[in-house]
Amino acid sequence: MTAPARLSRRLSYGAGSVGTGIFTTVPGVLLLYFLTVEVHLSAAVAGMIILIPKAAGLIGDPLIGIWADRLHRNSHGGRRRLMGLGALVGCVGLWMLFSLPQQHAGNVAVPVLIYLVCTTGYSLFAVPYSALPAELDARPAERRALVSTRLGLAFLGVLIGGVSAPVIATRAGYDSMGLAMAIACAIAMAAFLITCRLPAGGMARSRPAPAARSARQAAWRLPRRFVVQMAAFILLLAAAGAFSALLPFLVRELGADGEVVGLAMLVDILAALGSSAVWPSVIRRLGLRRVWWLAAAIGCVSGVMVGTASAIDAPFYVGMALGGASMAGVQIAGFTGLADLTADYLEQGEGGGLITGIWMAGEKTGLASGPLLAGVGLDLLSPILPGAAAGVSVALIPGLLALLSIMVIAIPGTGHDHRTGATTPETQP
């Protein structure tokens, strides 16, 4: 394959991640605030509403992965239709999420059901989509390039959602914002489905059926390296989710309006975009484990700087930039490790959908746990520290979660990062 053809494939594949970036960012930044201020629920209840549908993905996402693998083996074009259905359901659900609950103020069931539909549609698209790099190219270097391109374009989606959504919500209302974001998601996902050529049914590198059955039986007995990396990933995503959910409350405490949230997210996302070009080379030099440590440490510093800011000033924006760099490191390290493990499963004769579904379930749980912890923190601290609860929560909750992730990733015995060309610390002299 020529260099222009490889670039075209990377961009075609990565186009879908613009949609997934918008899809995950808009609820992450605005949903807790929306349910609290517009639907008049307590912060803790709103956090539970965010957690429950995503926690359902612990069961649903691996099952979707198995379904996608079967479609890939047995149905030409079936997996593309599955992703198309997911894109349609997810985008309609995103629009409804910020429209219908306003008509049912104080009602818990309506936003839970809508968000469950929304997250289910997202999973139908995102689980098979995230498993594709290992199938699109067997070479580790090209696989890493596909992952990096995808995540770079995902940060473009984060930029669109994180910056424009608060501004539209402030000026035109949440229902208009939800519709605009849903349309943007649909365009990006459709661009991927139309332009990217997916591997044909029947896995080219599969072994005979007995080996495939053995691989399926072993799929739930996950490698220790994968379990440790996924646990650290969940904790760091929970830290990022808490940080994003608390940001509108902190901005309000500091006397600013919703448009400042958009500006703060712009700084955060531009830093993520810029650092995403650097993190792959850092991974090759240091290995995945040390990159986890570095990204988590940067995240701790970010939370403290933003949470202790007394105004929307330079230290506040420096902290936001550090948060973006931290999140880029987490995402690139996490999905690089996932693509490598998925390639191992393909070589054993099994599809990558199941292992990707398990990872995506963990990802959604981490992102949903953050707002829940943020809501509980606000409810506990508001009576004790009126006017400062959001700042203290930003300084403490993400940092504690990041420290826990450092402890988890330090567990020995995860082995050698053979696909990145780096050695994990316990195997180094």
Protein backbone atom coordinates (compact mmCIF):
# COMPACT_ATOMS: atom_id res chain seq x y z
CA MET A 1 0.00 0.00 0.00
CA THR A 2 1.34 3.41 -0.98
CA ALA A 3 1.84 6.23 1.52
CA PRO A 4 -1.13 8.28 0.17
CA ALA A 5 -3.35 5.20 0.41
CA ARG A 6 -2.27 4.59 4.01
CA LEU A 7 -2.96 8.23 4.90
CA SER A 8 -6.38 8.07 3.23
CA ARG A 9 -7.24 4.93 5.21
CA ARG A 10 -6.13 6.51 8.48
CA LEU A 11 -8.26 9.60 7.85
CA SER A 12 -11.27 7.54 6.74
CA TYR A 13 -11.05 5.42 9.86
CA GLY A 14 -10.35 8.36 12.13
CA ALA A 15 -13.35 10.35 10.86
CA GLY A 16 -15.68 8.28 13.05
CA SER A 17 -13.79 9.30 16.17
CA VAL A 18 -14.80 12.93 15.64
CA GLY A 19 -18.32 11.70 16.38
CA THR A 20 -17.28 9.59 19.37
CA GLY A 21 -15.31 12.54 20.74
CA ILE A 22 -18.38 14.79 20.60
CA PHE A 23 -20.57 12.03 21.98
CA THR A 24 -18.50 11.43 25.10
CA THR A 25 -17.58 15.06 25.75
CA VAL A 26 -20.96 16.80 25.72
CA PRO A 27 -22.60 14.68 28.48
CA GLY A 28 -19.31 14.61 30.38
CA VAL A 29 -19.10 18.39 30.56
CA LEU A 30 -22.76 19.41 30.74
CA LEU A 31 -25.03 16.56 31.84
CA LEU A 32 -24.44 16.76 35.60
CA TYR A 33 -24.93 20.53 35.52
CA PHE A 34 -27.98 20.22 33.25
CA LEU A 35 -29.71 17.64 35.46
CA THR A 36 -28.94 19.67 38.57
CA VAL A 37 -29.85 23.17 37.37
CA GLU A 38 -32.44 22.56 34.62
CA VAL A 39 -34.13 19.33 35.77
CA HIS A 40 -33.84 20.26 39.47
CA LEU A 41 -32.30 17.04 40.81
CA SER A 42 -29.74 16.85 43.58
CA ALA A 43 -26.14 16.51 42.45
CA ALA A 44 -25.81 13.03 43.95
CA VAL A 45 -29.00 11.78 42.24
CA ALA A 46 -27.86 13.31 38.95
CA GLY A 47 -24.54 11.49 39.34
CA MET A 48 -26.39 8.20 39.82
CA ILE A 49 -28.44 8.87 36.69
CA ILE A 50 -25.20 9.22 34.74
CA LEU A 51 -23.69 6.09 36.28
CA ILE A 52 -26.58 3.60 35.93
CA PRO A 53 -26.85 3.44 32.11
CA LYS A 54 -23.09 3.34 31.66
CA ALA A 55 -22.70 0.67 34.32
CA ALA A 56 -25.12 -1.44 32.25
CA GLY A 57 -22.34 -1.48 29.67
CA LEU A 58 -20.37 -3.83 31.95
CA ILE A 59 -22.65 -6.55 30.60
CA GLY A 60 -23.84 -5.02 27.36
CA ASP A 61 -20.54 -3.98 25.76
CA PRO A 62 -18.85 -7.43 25.86
CA LEU A 63 -22.05 -8.95 24.41
CA ILE A 64 -22.01 -6.35 21.64
CA GLY A 65 -18.38 -7.30 20.99
CA ILE A 66 -19.31 -10.97 20.62
CA TRP A 67 -22.17 -10.01 18.30
CA ALA A 68 -19.85 -7.90 16.16
CA ASP A 69 -17.35 -10.78 15.89
CA ARG A 70 -20.08 -13.17 14.73
CA LEU A 71 -21.31 -10.69 12.17
CA HIS A 72 -17.75 -10.28 10.89
CA ARG A 73 -17.37 -14.04 10.42
CA ASN A 74 -20.80 -14.83 9.03
CA SER A 75 -22.33 -11.75 7.39
CA HIS A 76 -20.78 -9.57 4.70
CA GLY A 77 -21.59 -5.99 5.63
CA GLY A 78 -23.39 -7.00 8.84
CA ARG A 79 -20.94 -5.24 11.10
CA ARG A 80 -21.22 -2.02 9.10
CA ARG A 81 -25.02 -2.17 9.45
CA LEU A 82 -24.61 -2.72 13.20
CA MET A 83 -22.47 0.41 13.49
CA GLY A 84 -24.93 2.34 11.32
CA LEU A 85 -27.79 1.35 13.63
CA GLY A 86 -25.73 2.39 16.65
CA ALA A 87 -24.92 5.77 15.12
CA LEU A 88 -28.61 6.45 14.40
CA VAL A 89 -29.86 5.39 17.86
CA GLY A 90 -27.04 7.14 19.69
CA CYS A 91 -27.42 10.46 17.87
CA VAL A 92 -31.20 10.56 18.34
CA GLY A 93 -30.67 9.70 22.00
CA LEU A 94 -28.14 12.50 22.42
CA TRP A 95 -30.64 15.02 21.08
CA MET A 96 -33.44 13.70 23.33
CA LEU A 97 -31.16 13.67 26.38
CA PHE A 98 -31.02 17.46 26.51
CA SER A 99 -34.59 18.04 25.30
CA LEU A 100 -37.17 15.80 26.95
CA PRO A 101 -35.91 15.88 30.58
CA GLN A 102 -36.60 19.63 30.74
CA GLN A 103 -40.30 18.79 30.37
CA HIS A 104 -40.13 16.39 33.32
CA ALA A 105 -38.41 18.45 36.01
CA GLY A 106 -37.69 16.40 39.12
CA ASN A 107 -38.36 13.09 37.31
CA VAL A 108 -35.58 10.52 37.59
CA ALA A 109 -36.92 7.80 35.27
CA VAL A 110 -37.06 9.86 32.06
CA PRO A 111 -33.37 10.87 31.92
CA VAL A 112 -32.26 7.37 33.00
CA LEU A 113 -34.20 5.71 30.17
CA ILE A 114 -33.08 8.23 27.57
CA TYR A 115 -29.45 7.98 28.62
CA LEU A 116 -29.66 4.17 28.55
CA VAL A 117 -30.86 4.30 24.93
CA CYS A 118 -28.17 6.87 24.14
CA THR A 119 -25.30 4.84 25.61
CA THR A 120 -26.55 1.60 24.04
CA GLY A 121 -26.52 3.18 20.59
CA TYR A 122 -23.05 4.55 21.24
CA SER A 123 -21.81 1.07 22.18
CA LEU A 124 -23.24 -0.51 19.03
CA PHE A 125 -21.07 1.88 17.05
CA ALA A 126 -18.01 2.29 19.26
CA VAL A 127 -17.23 -1.31 20.28
CA PRO A 128 -16.73 -2.74 16.75
CA TYR A 129 -15.22 0.57 15.64
CA SER A 130 -12.54 0.51 18.35
CA ALA A 131 -11.57 -3.07 17.49
CA LEU A 132 -10.70 -2.25 13.87
CA PRO A 133 -7.01 -1.13 13.98
CA ALA A 134 -5.71 -4.65 14.55
CA GLU A 135 -7.79 -5.90 11.60
CA LEU A 136 -7.02 -3.05 9.23
CA ASP A 137 -3.27 -3.69 9.43
CA ALA A 138 -1.18 -6.45 11.04
CA ARG A 139 1.96 -4.31 11.31
CA PRO A 140 2.45 -2.79 14.79
CA ALA A 141 3.80 0.50 13.40
CA GLU A 142 0.81 1.05 11.11
CA ARG A 143 -1.55 -0.07 13.85
CA ARG A 144 -0.10 2.56 16.18
CA ALA A 145 -0.50 5.13 13.38
CA LEU A 146 -4.18 4.22 13.02
CA VAL A 147 -4.69 4.55 16.79
CA SER A 148 -2.84 7.88 16.93
CA THR A 149 -4.80 9.29 13.96
CA ARG A 150 -8.06 8.12 15.46
CA LEU A 151 -7.32 9.69 18.84
CA GLY A 152 -6.03 12.90 17.28
CA LEU A 153 -9.29 13.29 15.40
CA ALA A 154 -11.21 12.29 18.54
CA PHE A 155 -9.69 15.32 20.24
CA LEU A 156 -11.08 17.38 17.35
CA GLY A 157 -14.50 16.01 18.31
CA VAL A 158 -13.77 16.85 21.93
CA LEU A 159 -12.88 20.37 20.78
CA ILE A 160 -16.18 20.72 18.92
CA GLY A 161 -18.24 19.37 21.80
CA GLY A 162 -16.35 20.87 24.70
CA VAL A 163 -16.09 24.39 23.28
CA SER A 164 -19.25 24.89 21.25
CA ALA A 165 -21.75 22.99 23.38
CA PRO A 166 -21.51 25.29 26.46
CA VAL A 167 -21.74 28.37 24.23
CA ILE A 168 -24.80 27.07 22.33
CA ALA A 169 -26.47 25.98 25.57
CA THR A 170 -25.92 29.44 27.09
CA ARG A 171 -27.16 31.37 24.07
CA ALA A 172 -29.81 29.12 22.50
CA GLY A 173 -30.77 26.61 25.20
CA TYR A 174 -29.96 22.99 25.90
CA ASP A 175 -32.46 21.56 23.42
CA SER A 176 -30.85 23.45 20.50
CA MET A 177 -27.41 22.43 21.73
CA GLY A 178 -28.43 18.75 21.87
CA LEU A 179 -29.77 18.85 18.31
CA ALA A 180 -26.65 20.58 16.96
CA MET A 181 -24.31 18.10 18.65
CA ALA A 182 -26.38 15.13 17.47
CA ILE A 183 -26.17 16.34 13.86
CA ALA A 184 -22.40 16.84 14.13
CA CYS A 185 -21.99 13.30 15.52
CA ALA A 186 -24.13 11.84 12.75
CA ILE A 187 -22.10 13.55 10.02
CA ALA A 188 -18.78 12.29 11.39
CA MET A 189 -19.96 8.69 11.91
CA ALA A 190 -21.55 8.61 8.47
CA ALA A 191 -18.30 9.83 6.91
CA PHE A 192 -16.49 6.83 8.40
CA LEU A 193 -19.17 4.34 7.39
CA ILE A 194 -19.24 5.61 3.81
CA THR A 195 -15.51 6.04 3.14
CA CYS A 196 -13.68 3.40 5.20
CA ARG A 197 -13.25 -0.02 3.62
CA LEU A 198 -13.71 -2.61 6.37
CA PRO A 199 -12.09 -6.07 6.36
CA ALA A 200 -14.26 -8.61 4.57
CA GLY A 201 -16.11 -11.28 6.54
CA GLY A 202 -13.96 -14.21 7.56
CA MET A 203 -10.87 -13.37 9.57
CA ALA A 204 -7.82 -13.71 7.38
CA ARG A 205 -5.41 -14.65 10.16
CA SER A 206 -7.80 -16.92 12.05
CA ARG A 207 -6.69 -20.40 13.03
CA PRO A 208 -8.98 -23.41 12.58
CA ALA A 209 -12.24 -23.56 14.50
CA PRO A 210 -10.94 -25.58 17.50
CA ALA A 211 -8.34 -22.90 18.20
CA ALA A 212 -11.02 -20.23 17.86
CA ARG A 213 -13.27 -22.03 20.35
CA SER A 214 -10.34 -22.33 22.74
CA ALA A 215 -9.64 -18.62 22.39
CA ARG A 216 -13.28 -17.80 23.11
CA GLN A 217 -13.20 -19.97 26.23
CA ALA A 218 -10.04 -18.17 27.38
CA ALA A 219 -11.24 -14.68 26.50
CA TRP A 220 -12.87 -14.13 29.87
CA ARG A 221 -9.65 -15.22 31.65
CA LEU A 222 -7.99 -11.95 30.88
CA PRO A 223 -4.22 -11.47 30.96
CA ARG A 224 -2.98 -9.79 34.12
CA ARG A 225 -1.35 -7.06 32.03
CA PHE A 226 -4.74 -6.20 30.53
CA VAL A 227 -6.57 -6.22 33.88
CA VAL A 228 -4.02 -3.89 35.51
CA GLN A 229 -3.98 -1.49 32.57
CA MET A 230 -7.78 -1.41 32.39
CA ALA A 231 -8.09 -0.74 36.14
CA ALA A 232 -5.61 2.15 35.92
CA PHE A 233 -7.41 3.45 32.82
CA ILE A 234 -10.79 3.40 34.61
CA LEU A 235 -9.39 5.35 37.56
CA LEU A 236 -7.81 8.01 35.36
CA LEU A 237 -10.98 8.35 33.29
CA ALA A 238 -12.97 8.72 36.52
CA ALA A 239 -10.59 11.51 37.51
CA ALA A 240 -11.10 13.20 34.12
CA GLY A 241 -14.88 12.70 34.34
CA ALA A 242 -15.04 14.28 37.80
CA PHE A 243 -12.88 17.19 36.62
CA SER A 244 -15.10 17.88 33.58
CA ALA A 245 -18.35 17.56 35.52
CA LEU A 246 -17.16 19.94 38.25
CA LEU A 247 -15.86 22.59 35.85
CA PRO A 248 -19.21 24.41 35.25
CA PHE A 249 -19.81 24.55 39.02
CA LEU A 250 -16.31 25.91 39.63
CA VAL A 251 -16.69 28.56 36.92
CA ARG A 252 -19.96 29.66 38.52
CA GLU A 253 -18.26 29.84 41.95
CA LEU A 254 -15.63 32.10 40.44
CA GLY A 255 -18.31 34.46 39.13
CA ALA A 256 -18.10 33.64 35.41
CA ASP A 257 -20.72 32.35 32.95
CA GLY A 258 -21.08 29.29 30.74
CA GLU A 259 -19.04 30.73 27.89
CA VAL A 260 -15.96 30.65 30.12
CA VAL A 261 -16.47 26.88 30.37
CA GLY A 262 -16.14 26.73 26.59
CA LEU A 263 -12.95 28.82 26.65
CA ALA A 264 -11.47 26.66 29.40
CA MET A 265 -12.29 23.52 27.41
CA LEU A 266 -10.68 25.10 24.34
CA VAL A 267 -7.40 25.48 26.23
CA ASP A 268 -7.71 21.93 27.58
CA ILE A 269 -8.39 20.39 24.19
CA LEU A 270 -5.75 22.37 22.28
CA ALA A 271 -3.21 21.11 24.82
CA ALA A 272 -4.49 17.57 24.26
CA LEU A 273 -4.21 17.96 20.49
CA GLY A 274 -0.68 19.33 20.72
CA SER A 275 0.54 16.70 23.15
CA SER A 276 -1.06 13.84 21.21
CA ALA A 277 1.72 14.21 18.64
CA VAL A 278 4.32 13.72 21.38
CA TRP A 279 2.89 10.92 23.51
CA PRO A 280 3.47 8.04 20.99
CA SER A 281 7.22 8.69 20.96
CA VAL A 282 7.20 8.96 24.77
CA ILE A 283 5.49 5.55 24.93
CA ARG A 284 8.15 4.03 22.68
CA ARG A 285 10.90 5.39 24.92
CA LEU A 286 9.41 4.84 28.37
CA GLY A 287 6.85 2.06 27.97
CA LEU A 288 3.18 2.11 28.86
CA ARG A 289 3.58 1.88 32.63
CA ARG A 290 5.82 4.91 33.01
CA VAL A 291 3.56 6.88 30.71
CA TRP A 292 0.65 6.05 33.05
CA TRP A 293 2.66 7.42 35.98
CA LEU A 294 3.58 10.56 34.08
CA ALA A 295 0.04 11.23 32.82
CA ALA A 296 -1.43 10.62 36.30
CA ALA A 297 1.09 12.95 37.95
CA ILE A 298 0.32 15.71 35.43
CA GLY A 299 -3.39 15.19 36.14
CA CYS A 300 -2.82 15.63 39.89
CA VAL A 301 -1.02 18.93 39.33
CA SER A 302 -3.79 20.06 36.98
CA GLY A 303 -6.56 19.44 39.51
CA VAL A 304 -4.74 21.30 42.27
CA MET A 305 -3.99 24.31 40.05
CA VAL A 306 -7.54 24.64 38.74
CA GLY A 307 -9.25 23.85 42.04
CA THR A 308 -7.23 26.38 44.05
CA ALA A 309 -7.54 29.20 41.50
CA SER A 310 -9.07 32.31 43.02
CA ALA A 311 -10.10 33.72 39.65
CA ILE A 312 -10.23 32.89 35.94
CA ASP A 313 -6.59 33.81 35.49
CA ALA A 314 -3.30 32.45 34.10
CA PRO A 315 -2.81 29.65 36.70
CA PHE A 316 -6.37 28.47 35.99
CA TYR A 317 -5.70 28.15 32.27
CA VAL A 318 -2.27 26.55 32.80
CA GLY A 319 -4.00 23.95 34.94
CA MET A 320 -6.56 23.35 32.18
CA ALA A 321 -3.73 22.87 29.66
CA LEU A 322 -2.02 20.34 31.92
CA GLY A 323 -5.32 18.50 32.24
CA GLY A 324 -5.57 18.22 28.47
CA ALA A 325 -2.03 16.88 28.16
CA SER A 326 -2.74 14.33 30.89
CA MET A 327 -5.92 13.11 29.20
CA ALA A 328 -4.15 12.73 25.84
CA GLY A 329 -1.48 10.56 27.47
CA VAL A 330 -4.09 8.37 29.15
CA GLN A 331 -6.08 7.84 25.95
CA ILE A 332 -3.13 7.12 23.68
CA ALA A 333 -1.44 4.75 26.14
CA GLY A 334 -4.72 2.96 26.87
CA PHE A 335 -5.80 2.40 23.29
CA THR A 336 -2.28 1.52 22.12
CA GLY A 337 -2.23 -1.28 24.68
CA LEU A 338 -5.74 -2.34 23.64
CA ALA A 339 -4.81 -2.53 19.94
CA ASP A 340 -1.79 -4.69 20.76
CA LEU A 341 -3.87 -7.09 22.83
CA THR A 342 -6.56 -7.23 20.15
CA ALA A 343 -3.89 -8.24 17.64
CA ASP A 344 -2.88 -11.09 19.95
CA TYR A 345 -6.48 -12.33 20.01
CA LEU A 346 -6.72 -12.19 16.23
CA GLU A 347 -3.57 -14.28 15.94
CA GLN A 348 -5.19 -16.88 18.20
CA GLY A 349 -8.14 -17.15 15.83
CA GLU A 350 -10.59 -15.05 17.84
CA GLY A 351 -12.13 -11.68 16.99
CA GLY A 352 -11.22 -8.49 18.77
CA GLY A 353 -14.79 -7.48 19.56
CA LEU A 354 -15.07 -9.24 22.91
CA ILE A 355 -11.87 -7.87 24.42
CA THR A 356 -12.70 -4.41 23.05
CA GLY A 357 -16.21 -4.64 24.51
CA ILE A 358 -14.78 -5.40 27.94
CA TRP A 359 -12.41 -2.43 27.63
CA MET A 360 -15.17 -0.10 26.46
CA ALA A 361 -17.36 -1.19 29.37
CA GLY A 362 -14.58 -0.22 31.72
CA GLU A 363 -14.07 3.07 29.90
CA LYS A 364 -17.75 4.04 30.21
CA THR A 365 -17.83 3.02 33.86
CA GLY A 366 -14.82 5.21 34.59
CA LEU A 367 -16.27 8.21 32.78
CA ALA A 368 -19.62 7.77 34.57
CA SER A 369 -18.10 7.22 38.02
CA GLY A 370 -16.38 10.59 37.87
CA PRO A 371 -19.60 12.65 37.73
CA LEU A 372 -21.11 10.46 40.46
CA LEU A 373 -18.18 11.16 42.78
CA ALA A 374 -18.32 14.83 41.79
CA GLY A 375 -22.02 15.00 42.68
CA VAL A 376 -21.51 13.28 46.02
CA GLY A 377 -18.59 15.59 46.78
CA LEU A 378 -20.67 18.68 46.01
CA ASP A 379 -23.56 17.49 48.18
CA LEU A 380 -21.25 16.73 51.11
CA LEU A 381 -19.12 19.87 50.90
CA SER A 382 -21.70 22.52 49.97
CA PRO A 383 -23.12 22.84 53.54
CA ILE A 384 -19.60 22.88 55.02
CA LEU A 385 -17.88 25.10 52.47
CA PRO A 386 -20.53 27.28 50.81
CA GLY A 387 -19.10 29.02 47.79
CA ALA A 388 -16.00 26.84 47.73
CA ALA A 389 -17.31 23.26 47.42
CA ALA A 390 -16.57 22.96 43.69
CA GLY A 391 -13.01 24.26 44.05
CA VAL A 392 -12.19 21.86 46.89
CA SER A 393 -13.76 18.97 44.97
CA VAL A 394 -11.71 19.76 41.86
CA ALA A 395 -8.52 19.91 43.93
CA LEU A 396 -9.18 16.65 45.80
CA ILE A 397 -11.30 14.15 43.86
CA PRO A 398 -9.38 13.92 40.53
CA GLY A 399 -6.04 13.93 42.36
CA LEU A 400 -7.01 11.09 44.70
CA LEU A 401 -8.25 9.00 41.78
CA ALA A 402 -5.04 9.65 39.85
CA LEU A 403 -2.95 8.61 42.86
CA LEU A 404 -4.94 5.38 43.09
CA SER A 405 -4.21 4.71 39.42
CA ILE A 406 -0.48 5.12 40.09
CA MET A 407 -0.75 2.52 42.84
CA VAL A 408 -2.63 0.11 40.59
CA ILE A 409 -0.27 0.39 37.62
CA ALA A 410 2.65 -0.21 39.99
CA ILE A 411 1.44 -3.78 40.63
CA PRO A 412 4.30 -6.04 39.46
CA GLY A 413 4.07 -8.84 36.96
CA THR A 414 2.51 -7.20 33.93
CA GLY A 415 5.45 -8.15 31.74
CA HIS A 416 7.29 -6.62 28.80
CA ASP A 417 5.79 -3.99 26.51
CA HIS A 418 6.99 -5.97 23.52
CA ARG A 419 4.87 -4.20 20.93
CA THR A 420 5.91 -0.70 21.88
CA GLY A 421 9.55 -1.64 21.98
CA ALA A 422 9.87 -0.60 25.62
CA THR A 423 10.43 -2.50 28.82
CA THR A 424 8.24 -2.18 31.87
CA PRO A 425 10.04 -1.09 35.04
CA GLU A 426 10.01 -4.46 36.79
CA THR A 427 11.98 -6.04 33.93
CA GLN A 428 14.53 -3.27 33.72
CA PRO A 429 17.92 -3.69 35.42
